[in-house]
Structures are given as C-alpha cells and as structure tokens.
Amino acid sequence: MDAKALLRSALQKAHVAVLADQEKNNAAALEAYTEALLLLDQVLISVDRDEDKMRIQQIVSAFILTCIGTLFLQCCM
C-alpha cells in the first residue's frame, strides 16, 4: 500500500475512534486509535520527505497526548 492509501486508512480508523469515543465506548475507541497509530507508523516508514515525516509525527504526538492518553486514564484508572 502506498503512503496516500495508508494515510487514508489511518484517517478512517481515527474517524471510527472518534465516533466510538463520542459514544463512550472506550475500548473500541482505544483499539481504533491504536490501529490508526500503527498505520501512521507505516506512513512514516514509507515517506521520504523530512517535511512530510515531521507533519505526520506531529499528528502522532497529538493522538498520543490527547486521545489515547485520555482514554487510557478513563479505562485504566
């Protein structure tokens, strides 16, 4: 799969995660966010331009800090 297709899949998974999060289905949201992050990791590997890698890394960092961190605290604390 090329980088654009991987990114598209990651965004679709992130959308599923947001919907699950809105429904307070924390387990499904956490799973979908995790899958989105795994896809974004694949995008990072396949992208050559440093500028693109930096933008994707910023997205990953935002995911981890906001979405997954919050869900982890809700699920596990």
Protein backbone atom coordinates (compact mmCIF):
# COMPACT_ATOMS: atom_id res chain seq x y z
CA MET A 1 0.00 0.00 0.00
CA ASP A 2 1.37 3.45 -0.84
CA ALA A 3 1.67 6.31 1.64
CA LYS A 4 -1.54 8.02 0.50
CA ALA A 5 -3.58 4.85 0.87
CA LEU A 6 -2.05 4.19 4.30
CA LEU A 7 -2.81 7.74 5.38
CA ARG A 8 -6.38 7.43 4.11
CA SER A 9 -6.81 4.21 6.10
CA ALA A 10 -5.35 5.84 9.20
CA LEU A 11 -7.77 8.75 8.91
CA GLN A 12 -10.69 6.36 8.51
CA LYS A 13 -9.62 4.47 11.64
CA ALA A 14 -9.27 7.76 13.50
CA HIS A 15 -12.81 8.69 12.47
CA VAL A 16 -14.09 5.35 13.78
CA ALA A 17 -12.22 6.04 17.02
CA VAL A 18 -13.80 9.47 17.39
CA LEU A 19 -17.27 8.03 16.86
CA ALA A 20 -16.63 5.30 19.43
CA ASP A 21 -15.23 7.90 21.83
CA GLN A 22 -18.36 10.04 21.43
CA GLU A 23 -20.47 7.01 22.28
CA LYS A 24 -18.33 6.45 25.39
CA ASN A 25 -17.18 3.09 24.01
CA ASN A 26 -13.68 3.48 25.39
CA ALA A 27 -12.41 0.03 24.49
CA ALA A 28 -13.43 0.36 20.82
CA ALA A 29 -12.07 3.90 20.66
CA LEU A 30 -8.73 2.86 22.13
CA GLU A 31 -8.48 -0.04 19.69
CA ALA A 32 -9.27 2.17 16.68
CA TYR A 33 -6.85 4.90 17.80
CA THR A 34 -4.15 2.26 18.23
CA GLU A 35 -4.81 0.88 14.75
CA ALA A 36 -4.66 4.41 13.33
CA LEU A 37 -1.30 4.96 15.01
CA LEU A 38 0.07 1.71 13.62
CA LEU A 39 -0.96 2.81 10.15
CA LEU A 40 0.65 6.21 10.69
CA ASP A 41 3.87 4.43 11.68
CA GLN A 42 3.76 2.65 8.33
CA VAL A 43 3.25 6.00 6.62
CA LEU A 44 6.32 7.38 8.41
CA ILE A 45 8.39 4.48 7.11
CA SER A 46 7.20 4.93 3.54
CA VAL A 47 7.53 8.73 3.30
CA ASP A 48 10.82 10.15 2.06
CA ARG A 49 10.46 13.89 2.60
CA ASP A 50 11.52 15.13 6.03
CA GLU A 51 8.81 17.80 5.94
CA ASP A 52 6.11 15.16 5.48
CA LYS A 53 7.58 12.98 8.21
CA MET A 54 7.58 15.91 10.61
CA ARG A 55 3.90 16.67 9.92
CA ILE A 56 2.91 13.04 10.40
CA GLN A 57 4.94 12.84 13.61
CA GLN A 58 3.06 15.89 14.91
CA ILE A 59 -0.23 14.09 14.22
CA VAL A 60 1.03 11.00 16.05
CA SER A 61 2.12 13.10 19.03
CA ALA A 62 -1.26 14.83 19.19
CA PHE A 63 -3.03 11.46 19.07
CA ILE A 64 -0.95 10.10 21.89
CA LEU A 65 -1.25 13.15 24.10
CA THR A 66 -4.93 13.88 23.66
CA CYS A 67 -6.90 10.88 22.53
CA ILE A 68 -5.09 7.82 23.71
CA GLY A 69 -3.80 9.38 26.91
CA THR A 70 -7.29 10.46 27.94
CA LEU A 71 -8.84 7.11 27.04
CA PHE A 72 -6.13 5.21 28.87
CA LEU A 73 -6.81 7.20 32.01
CA GLN A 74 -10.56 6.61 31.68
CA CYS A 75 -10.16 2.88 31.09
CA CYS A 76 -7.38 2.03 33.45
CA MET A 77 -7.52 4.40 36.40
